[in-house]
Amino acid sequence: MPEPRSLPLPPPLVVAASLAGLEGLLVLGYGVLEAASVHADRVAMGVTSAVFFVLLGGALVACAWLVTHGTAGARSPVIVVQVMVLGLAWDVRSSTWVAVGLAVVAAVVLVGLLHPASIAALAGDRPGERAGDRDHAP
């Protein structure tokens, strides 16, 4: 279990984790809707799609929560999902507003997670402290 944070989270990390959590909730909701609309002629496809989206949404929510609690390893799955969302935005580019919305949210999350302050916060660095300095402290 992650230890409680002693320093406040940087705003880019908070925004990125919040948007990723919201994405996860939307994907989770889509998975539930997919499960509710399974038809007898396509049971296997409907069930596997629903399970996939529920697991993906749940994992994204969990990773967003873990990132806000200082777990650096949870950042990678969120980044992978954002790269997939950018690909999805390109695929639905015929629906301009949907594509732009997906791309903007994915870009904001990526920038927020890869911001130097976010990286330092997840690495446990204090402002003005380098990672190597911690190892040689008296």
N, C-alpha and C. Protein backbone atom coordinates (compact mmCIF):
# COMPACT_ATOMS: atom_id res chain seq x y z
N MET A 1 0.85 -1.18 0.00
CA MET A 1 0.00 0.00 0.00
C MET A 1 0.89 1.23 0.00
N PRO A 2 0.56 2.22 -0.85
CA PRO A 2 1.39 3.41 -0.90
C PRO A 2 1.36 4.18 0.41
N GLU A 3 2.50 4.79 0.74
CA GLU A 3 2.55 5.58 1.96
C GLU A 3 1.93 6.95 1.72
N PRO A 4 1.37 7.57 2.75
CA PRO A 4 0.76 8.89 2.58
C PRO A 4 1.79 9.92 2.15
N ARG A 5 1.36 10.84 1.33
CA ARG A 5 2.25 11.89 0.82
C ARG A 5 2.42 12.98 1.85
N SER A 6 3.65 13.44 1.98
CA SER A 6 3.89 14.54 2.91
C SER A 6 3.91 15.88 2.17
N LEU A 7 4.18 15.86 0.88
CA LEU A 7 4.22 17.08 0.09
C LEU A 7 2.98 17.16 -0.79
N PRO A 8 2.50 18.36 -1.09
CA PRO A 8 1.34 18.47 -1.98
C PRO A 8 1.70 18.03 -3.40
N LEU A 9 0.72 17.48 -4.09
CA LEU A 9 0.95 17.05 -5.46
C LEU A 9 1.02 18.26 -6.39
N PRO A 10 1.88 18.20 -7.39
CA PRO A 10 1.94 19.31 -8.35
C PRO A 10 0.66 19.35 -9.19
N PRO A 11 0.20 20.54 -9.54
CA PRO A 11 -1.04 20.66 -10.31
C PRO A 11 -1.08 19.84 -11.61
N PRO A 12 0.03 19.77 -12.39
CA PRO A 12 -0.06 18.97 -13.62
C PRO A 12 -0.38 17.49 -13.34
N LEU A 13 0.14 16.97 -12.24
CA LEU A 13 -0.13 15.59 -11.88
C LEU A 13 -1.58 15.41 -11.43
N VAL A 14 -2.10 16.36 -10.70
CA VAL A 14 -3.49 16.29 -10.24
C VAL A 14 -4.45 16.33 -11.43
N VAL A 15 -4.19 17.24 -12.36
CA VAL A 15 -5.05 17.35 -13.55
C VAL A 15 -4.98 16.06 -14.37
N ALA A 16 -3.77 15.56 -14.59
CA ALA A 16 -3.61 14.34 -15.40
C ALA A 16 -4.31 13.16 -14.74
N ALA A 17 -4.12 12.98 -13.44
CA ALA A 17 -4.74 11.85 -12.75
C ALA A 17 -6.26 12.00 -12.72
N SER A 18 -6.75 13.21 -12.56
CA SER A 18 -8.19 13.43 -12.56
C SER A 18 -8.81 13.10 -13.91
N LEU A 19 -8.18 13.57 -14.97
CA LEU A 19 -8.70 13.26 -16.31
C LEU A 19 -8.61 11.77 -16.61
N ALA A 20 -7.52 11.13 -16.20
CA ALA A 20 -7.39 9.69 -16.42
C ALA A 20 -8.45 8.93 -15.63
N GLY A 21 -8.71 9.36 -14.41
CA GLY A 21 -9.77 8.73 -13.61
C GLY A 21 -11.14 8.90 -14.25
N LEU A 22 -11.39 10.09 -14.78
CA LEU A 22 -12.66 10.35 -15.47
C LEU A 22 -12.78 9.48 -16.72
N GLU A 23 -11.69 9.36 -17.46
CA GLU A 23 -11.68 8.46 -18.62
C GLU A 23 -12.01 7.04 -18.19
N GLY A 24 -11.38 6.61 -17.10
CA GLY A 24 -11.63 5.26 -16.60
C GLY A 24 -13.08 5.05 -16.23
N LEU A 25 -13.69 6.03 -15.58
CA LEU A 25 -15.11 5.92 -15.22
C LEU A 25 -15.99 5.85 -16.47
N LEU A 26 -15.66 6.63 -17.49
CA LEU A 26 -16.44 6.59 -18.74
C LEU A 26 -16.29 5.23 -19.43
N VAL A 27 -15.08 4.70 -19.47
CA VAL A 27 -14.86 3.39 -20.09
C VAL A 27 -15.56 2.31 -19.28
N LEU A 28 -15.50 2.41 -17.96
CA LEU A 28 -16.20 1.47 -17.09
C LEU A 28 -17.71 1.51 -17.35
N GLY A 29 -18.26 2.70 -17.46
CA GLY A 29 -19.67 2.85 -17.77
C GLY A 29 -20.02 2.27 -19.13
N TYR A 30 -19.15 2.48 -20.11
CA TYR A 30 -19.38 1.90 -21.43
C TYR A 30 -19.39 0.38 -21.36
N GLY A 31 -18.49 -0.19 -20.55
CA GLY A 31 -18.47 -1.64 -20.38
C GLY A 31 -19.76 -2.16 -19.78
N VAL A 32 -20.31 -1.44 -18.82
CA VAL A 32 -21.58 -1.84 -18.20
C VAL A 32 -22.71 -1.74 -19.24
N LEU A 33 -22.72 -0.67 -20.02
CA LEU A 33 -23.73 -0.55 -21.08
C LEU A 33 -23.59 -1.65 -22.12
N GLU A 34 -22.36 -1.99 -22.43
CA GLU A 34 -22.11 -3.08 -23.38
C GLU A 34 -22.63 -4.40 -22.83
N ALA A 35 -22.43 -4.63 -21.55
CA ALA A 35 -22.94 -5.87 -20.93
C ALA A 35 -24.46 -5.90 -20.94
N ALA A 36 -25.07 -4.75 -20.75
CA ALA A 36 -26.54 -4.70 -20.72
C ALA A 36 -27.14 -4.89 -22.10
N SER A 37 -26.36 -4.68 -23.15
CA SER A 37 -26.91 -4.79 -24.50
C SER A 37 -26.44 -6.04 -25.24
N VAL A 38 -26.04 -7.08 -24.52
CA VAL A 38 -25.61 -8.33 -25.15
C VAL A 38 -26.83 -9.00 -25.77
N HIS A 39 -26.69 -9.39 -27.04
CA HIS A 39 -27.78 -10.07 -27.75
C HIS A 39 -27.45 -11.55 -27.89
N ALA A 40 -28.48 -12.35 -27.99
CA ALA A 40 -28.31 -13.80 -28.06
C ALA A 40 -27.51 -14.23 -29.28
N ASP A 41 -27.57 -13.48 -30.36
CA ASP A 41 -26.85 -13.87 -31.58
C ASP A 41 -25.36 -13.54 -31.52
N ARG A 42 -24.94 -12.72 -30.55
CA ARG A 42 -23.52 -12.35 -30.43
C ARG A 42 -23.09 -12.35 -28.96
N VAL A 43 -23.36 -13.42 -28.27
CA VAL A 43 -23.07 -13.49 -26.84
C VAL A 43 -21.57 -13.40 -26.57
N ALA A 44 -20.79 -14.20 -27.29
CA ALA A 44 -19.35 -14.24 -27.02
C ALA A 44 -18.71 -12.87 -27.25
N MET A 45 -19.06 -12.23 -28.35
CA MET A 45 -18.48 -10.92 -28.65
C MET A 45 -18.94 -9.88 -27.64
N GLY A 46 -20.21 -9.89 -27.29
CA GLY A 46 -20.74 -8.92 -26.34
C GLY A 46 -20.14 -9.08 -24.95
N VAL A 47 -20.02 -10.31 -24.50
CA VAL A 47 -19.48 -10.55 -23.15
C VAL A 47 -18.00 -10.20 -23.09
N THR A 48 -17.24 -10.64 -24.09
CA THR A 48 -15.80 -10.34 -24.05
C THR A 48 -15.55 -8.84 -24.18
N SER A 49 -16.34 -8.15 -25.01
CA SER A 49 -16.18 -6.70 -25.12
C SER A 49 -16.51 -6.02 -23.79
N ALA A 50 -17.60 -6.45 -23.17
CA ALA A 50 -18.00 -5.86 -21.89
C ALA A 50 -16.92 -6.10 -20.83
N VAL A 51 -16.41 -7.31 -20.75
CA VAL A 51 -15.38 -7.62 -19.76
C VAL A 51 -14.12 -6.79 -20.03
N PHE A 52 -13.74 -6.67 -21.29
CA PHE A 52 -12.56 -5.88 -21.63
C PHE A 52 -12.71 -4.43 -21.17
N PHE A 53 -13.84 -3.81 -21.50
CA PHE A 53 -14.02 -2.40 -21.15
C PHE A 53 -14.16 -2.20 -19.64
N VAL A 54 -14.81 -3.12 -18.96
CA VAL A 54 -14.92 -3.00 -17.50
C VAL A 54 -13.54 -3.13 -16.86
N LEU A 55 -12.74 -4.10 -17.31
CA LEU A 55 -11.39 -4.26 -16.75
C LEU A 55 -10.50 -3.06 -17.09
N LEU A 56 -10.57 -2.58 -18.33
CA LEU A 56 -9.76 -1.42 -18.72
C LEU A 56 -10.15 -0.19 -17.92
N GLY A 57 -11.45 0.06 -17.79
CA GLY A 57 -11.91 1.21 -17.03
C GLY A 57 -11.52 1.12 -15.56
N GLY A 58 -11.70 -0.06 -14.98
CA GLY A 58 -11.32 -0.25 -13.58
C GLY A 58 -9.83 -0.08 -13.36
N ALA A 59 -9.04 -0.61 -14.29
CA ALA A 59 -7.58 -0.47 -14.17
C ALA A 59 -7.15 0.98 -14.30
N LEU A 60 -7.80 1.71 -15.20
CA LEU A 60 -7.45 3.12 -15.38
C LEU A 60 -7.81 3.94 -14.15
N VAL A 61 -8.95 3.67 -13.56
CA VAL A 61 -9.34 4.36 -12.33
C VAL A 61 -8.35 4.03 -11.21
N ALA A 62 -8.01 2.75 -11.08
CA ALA A 62 -7.08 2.33 -10.03
C ALA A 62 -5.70 2.97 -10.23
N CYS A 63 -5.22 2.99 -11.46
CA CYS A 63 -3.91 3.59 -11.72
C CYS A 63 -3.93 5.10 -11.46
N ALA A 64 -5.01 5.76 -11.82
CA ALA A 64 -5.11 7.20 -11.55
C ALA A 64 -5.08 7.45 -10.05
N TRP A 65 -5.78 6.63 -9.29
CA TRP A 65 -5.78 6.77 -7.83
C TRP A 65 -4.39 6.51 -7.27
N LEU A 66 -3.72 5.47 -7.77
CA LEU A 66 -2.38 5.14 -7.28
C LEU A 66 -1.37 6.24 -7.60
N VAL A 67 -1.52 6.86 -8.77
CA VAL A 67 -0.61 7.96 -9.13
C VAL A 67 -0.76 9.11 -8.14
N THR A 68 -1.99 9.40 -7.74
CA THR A 68 -2.19 10.49 -6.77
C THR A 68 -1.69 10.13 -5.39
N HIS A 69 -1.38 8.88 -5.17
CA HIS A 69 -0.84 8.45 -3.88
C HIS A 69 0.63 8.09 -3.96
N GLY A 70 1.29 8.55 -5.04
CA GLY A 70 2.74 8.44 -5.13
C GLY A 70 3.30 7.17 -5.71
N THR A 71 2.48 6.34 -6.34
CA THR A 71 2.98 5.10 -6.93
C THR A 71 3.42 5.38 -8.36
N ALA A 72 4.72 5.45 -8.56
CA ALA A 72 5.25 5.81 -9.88
C ALA A 72 4.95 4.75 -10.93
N GLY A 73 4.91 3.50 -10.56
CA GLY A 73 4.67 2.42 -11.51
C GLY A 73 3.29 2.46 -12.13
N ALA A 74 2.35 3.12 -11.50
CA ALA A 74 0.99 3.22 -12.05
C ALA A 74 0.92 4.24 -13.17
N ARG A 75 1.96 5.03 -13.35
CA ARG A 75 1.96 6.03 -14.41
C ARG A 75 2.06 5.38 -15.79
N SER A 76 2.82 4.31 -15.92
CA SER A 76 3.04 3.67 -17.23
C SER A 76 1.75 3.17 -17.88
N PRO A 77 0.88 2.43 -17.16
CA PRO A 77 -0.36 2.01 -17.82
C PRO A 77 -1.22 3.17 -18.29
N VAL A 78 -1.22 4.25 -17.53
CA VAL A 78 -2.01 5.42 -17.93
C VAL A 78 -1.43 6.02 -19.21
N ILE A 79 -0.11 6.07 -19.31
CA ILE A 79 0.53 6.59 -20.53
C ILE A 79 0.20 5.70 -21.72
N VAL A 80 0.24 4.39 -21.54
CA VAL A 80 -0.08 3.47 -22.64
C VAL A 80 -1.52 3.69 -23.12
N VAL A 81 -2.44 3.85 -22.19
CA VAL A 81 -3.84 4.08 -22.57
C VAL A 81 -3.97 5.40 -23.33
N GLN A 82 -3.23 6.42 -22.93
CA GLN A 82 -3.33 7.71 -23.62
C GLN A 82 -2.81 7.62 -25.05
N VAL A 83 -1.77 6.84 -25.25
CA VAL A 83 -1.26 6.62 -26.62
C VAL A 83 -2.32 5.88 -27.44
N MET A 84 -3.01 4.93 -26.82
CA MET A 84 -4.10 4.24 -27.52
C MET A 84 -5.23 5.21 -27.84
N VAL A 85 -5.53 6.11 -26.93
CA VAL A 85 -6.58 7.11 -27.16
C VAL A 85 -6.20 8.03 -28.31
N LEU A 86 -4.93 8.39 -28.42
CA LEU A 86 -4.50 9.20 -29.56
C LEU A 86 -4.72 8.45 -30.87
N GLY A 87 -4.45 7.17 -30.88
CA GLY A 87 -4.74 6.35 -32.06
C GLY A 87 -6.22 6.28 -32.36
N LEU A 88 -7.03 6.16 -31.32
CA LEU A 88 -8.48 6.16 -31.49
C LEU A 88 -8.95 7.50 -32.05
N ALA A 89 -8.38 8.59 -31.57
CA ALA A 89 -8.75 9.91 -32.07
C ALA A 89 -8.44 10.02 -33.56
N TRP A 90 -7.32 9.47 -33.97
CA TRP A 90 -6.98 9.49 -35.39
C TRP A 90 -7.97 8.64 -36.18
N ASP A 91 -8.39 7.52 -35.62
CA ASP A 91 -9.31 6.62 -36.31
C ASP A 91 -10.69 7.23 -36.47
N VAL A 92 -11.14 8.05 -35.53
CA VAL A 92 -12.48 8.65 -35.62
C VAL A 92 -12.41 10.10 -36.09
N ARG A 93 -11.39 10.44 -36.83
CA ARG A 93 -11.19 11.83 -37.26
C ARG A 93 -12.32 12.34 -38.15
N SER A 94 -13.15 11.45 -38.69
CA SER A 94 -14.30 11.92 -39.48
C SER A 94 -15.33 12.61 -38.59
N SER A 95 -15.36 12.25 -37.30
CA SER A 95 -16.18 12.96 -36.31
C SER A 95 -15.27 13.96 -35.61
N THR A 96 -15.16 15.12 -36.19
CA THR A 96 -14.15 16.09 -35.78
C THR A 96 -14.16 16.39 -34.28
N TRP A 97 -15.32 16.67 -33.72
CA TRP A 97 -15.37 17.06 -32.30
C TRP A 97 -14.98 15.92 -31.38
N VAL A 98 -15.38 14.71 -31.74
CA VAL A 98 -14.99 13.55 -30.92
C VAL A 98 -13.48 13.35 -30.99
N ALA A 99 -12.93 13.41 -32.20
CA ALA A 99 -11.49 13.23 -32.38
C ALA A 99 -10.69 14.30 -31.64
N VAL A 100 -11.13 15.54 -31.76
CA VAL A 100 -10.42 16.64 -31.09
C VAL A 100 -10.52 16.47 -29.57
N GLY A 101 -11.70 16.12 -29.07
CA GLY A 101 -11.87 15.92 -27.63
C GLY A 101 -10.98 14.82 -27.10
N LEU A 102 -10.95 13.69 -27.80
CA LEU A 102 -10.10 12.58 -27.38
C LEU A 102 -8.62 12.97 -27.40
N ALA A 103 -8.21 13.63 -28.48
CA ALA A 103 -6.80 14.01 -28.62
C ALA A 103 -6.38 15.03 -27.57
N VAL A 104 -7.23 16.00 -27.30
CA VAL A 104 -6.88 17.04 -26.32
C VAL A 104 -6.76 16.44 -24.93
N VAL A 105 -7.71 15.60 -24.54
CA VAL A 105 -7.65 14.98 -23.21
C VAL A 105 -6.41 14.10 -23.09
N ALA A 106 -6.15 13.28 -24.11
CA ALA A 106 -4.96 12.42 -24.07
C ALA A 106 -3.68 13.24 -23.99
N ALA A 107 -3.62 14.32 -24.75
CA ALA A 107 -2.42 15.17 -24.73
C ALA A 107 -2.24 15.83 -23.36
N VAL A 108 -3.32 16.32 -22.77
CA VAL A 108 -3.22 16.96 -21.45
C VAL A 108 -2.75 15.95 -20.40
N VAL A 109 -3.29 14.73 -20.46
CA VAL A 109 -2.87 13.70 -19.50
C VAL A 109 -1.39 13.36 -19.70
N LEU A 110 -0.98 13.19 -20.95
CA LEU A 110 0.43 12.87 -21.21
C LEU A 110 1.36 13.99 -20.74
N VAL A 111 1.01 15.22 -21.05
CA VAL A 111 1.85 16.35 -20.62
C VAL A 111 1.89 16.42 -19.10
N GLY A 112 0.74 16.22 -18.45
CA GLY A 112 0.70 16.27 -17.00
C GLY A 112 1.52 15.18 -16.33
N LEU A 113 1.47 13.97 -16.90
CA LEU A 113 2.23 12.86 -16.30
C LEU A 113 3.72 12.97 -16.57
N LEU A 114 4.08 13.57 -17.70
CA LEU A 114 5.49 13.67 -18.07
C LEU A 114 6.11 15.01 -17.70
N HIS A 115 5.36 15.85 -17.03
CA HIS A 115 5.87 17.15 -16.57
C HIS A 115 6.98 16.90 -15.54
N PRO A 116 8.04 17.68 -15.57
CA PRO A 116 9.14 17.47 -14.61
C PRO A 116 8.70 17.48 -13.14
N ALA A 117 7.73 18.33 -12.79
CA ALA A 117 7.27 18.35 -11.40
C ALA A 117 6.55 17.06 -11.04
N SER A 118 5.82 16.49 -12.00
CA SER A 118 5.12 15.23 -11.75
C SER A 118 6.12 14.08 -11.61
N ILE A 119 7.11 14.08 -12.46
CA ILE A 119 8.14 13.04 -12.39
C ILE A 119 8.86 13.12 -11.05
N ALA A 120 9.20 14.33 -10.62
CA ALA A 120 9.89 14.50 -9.34
C ALA A 120 9.00 14.07 -8.18
N ALA A 121 7.71 14.40 -8.25
CA ALA A 121 6.79 14.03 -7.17
C ALA A 121 6.65 12.52 -7.07
N LEU A 122 6.58 11.85 -8.21
CA LEU A 122 6.45 10.39 -8.19
C LEU A 122 7.75 9.71 -7.82
N ALA A 123 8.87 10.40 -8.04
CA ALA A 123 10.16 9.83 -7.65
C ALA A 123 10.45 10.08 -6.17
N GLY A 124 9.62 10.92 -5.54
CA GLY A 124 9.81 11.20 -4.12
C GLY A 124 10.79 12.32 -3.87
N ASP A 125 11.18 13.05 -4.92
CA ASP A 125 12.12 14.15 -4.75
C ASP A 125 11.44 15.35 -4.12
N ARG A 126 12.18 16.05 -3.31
CA ARG A 126 11.70 17.32 -2.77
C ARG A 126 12.13 18.42 -3.73
N PRO A 127 11.42 19.53 -3.76
CA PRO A 127 11.84 20.62 -4.64
C PRO A 127 13.29 21.02 -4.39
N GLY A 128 14.08 21.10 -5.45
CA GLY A 128 15.48 21.50 -5.32
C GLY A 128 16.41 20.38 -4.93
N GLU A 129 15.89 19.17 -4.78
CA GLU A 129 16.74 18.04 -4.38
C GLU A 129 16.93 17.12 -5.56
N ARG A 130 18.13 16.66 -5.77
CA ARG A 130 18.40 15.70 -6.83
C ARG A 130 18.33 14.31 -6.23
N ALA A 131 18.00 13.32 -7.09
CA ALA A 131 17.84 11.95 -6.61
C ALA A 131 19.12 11.43 -5.95
N GLY A 132 20.28 11.75 -6.49
CA GLY A 132 21.54 11.26 -5.94
C GLY A 132 21.88 11.87 -4.59
N ASP A 133 21.36 13.06 -4.30
CA ASP A 133 21.67 13.72 -3.04
C ASP A 133 21.05 13.01 -1.85
N ARG A 134 19.94 12.35 -2.05
CA ARG A 134 19.28 11.64 -0.94
C ARG A 134 20.13 10.49 -0.43
N ASP A 135 20.84 9.84 -1.35
CA ASP A 135 21.61 8.66 -0.98
C ASP A 135 22.83 9.00 -0.12
N HIS A 136 23.30 10.23 -0.18
CA HIS A 136 24.52 10.62 0.53
C HIS A 136 24.25 11.56 1.70
N ALA A 137 23.00 11.62 2.12
CA ALA A 137 22.66 12.51 3.23
C ALA A 137 23.22 11.94 4.52
N PRO A 138 23.66 12.81 5.45
CA PRO A 138 24.23 12.31 6.72
C PRO A 138 23.19 11.71 7.61
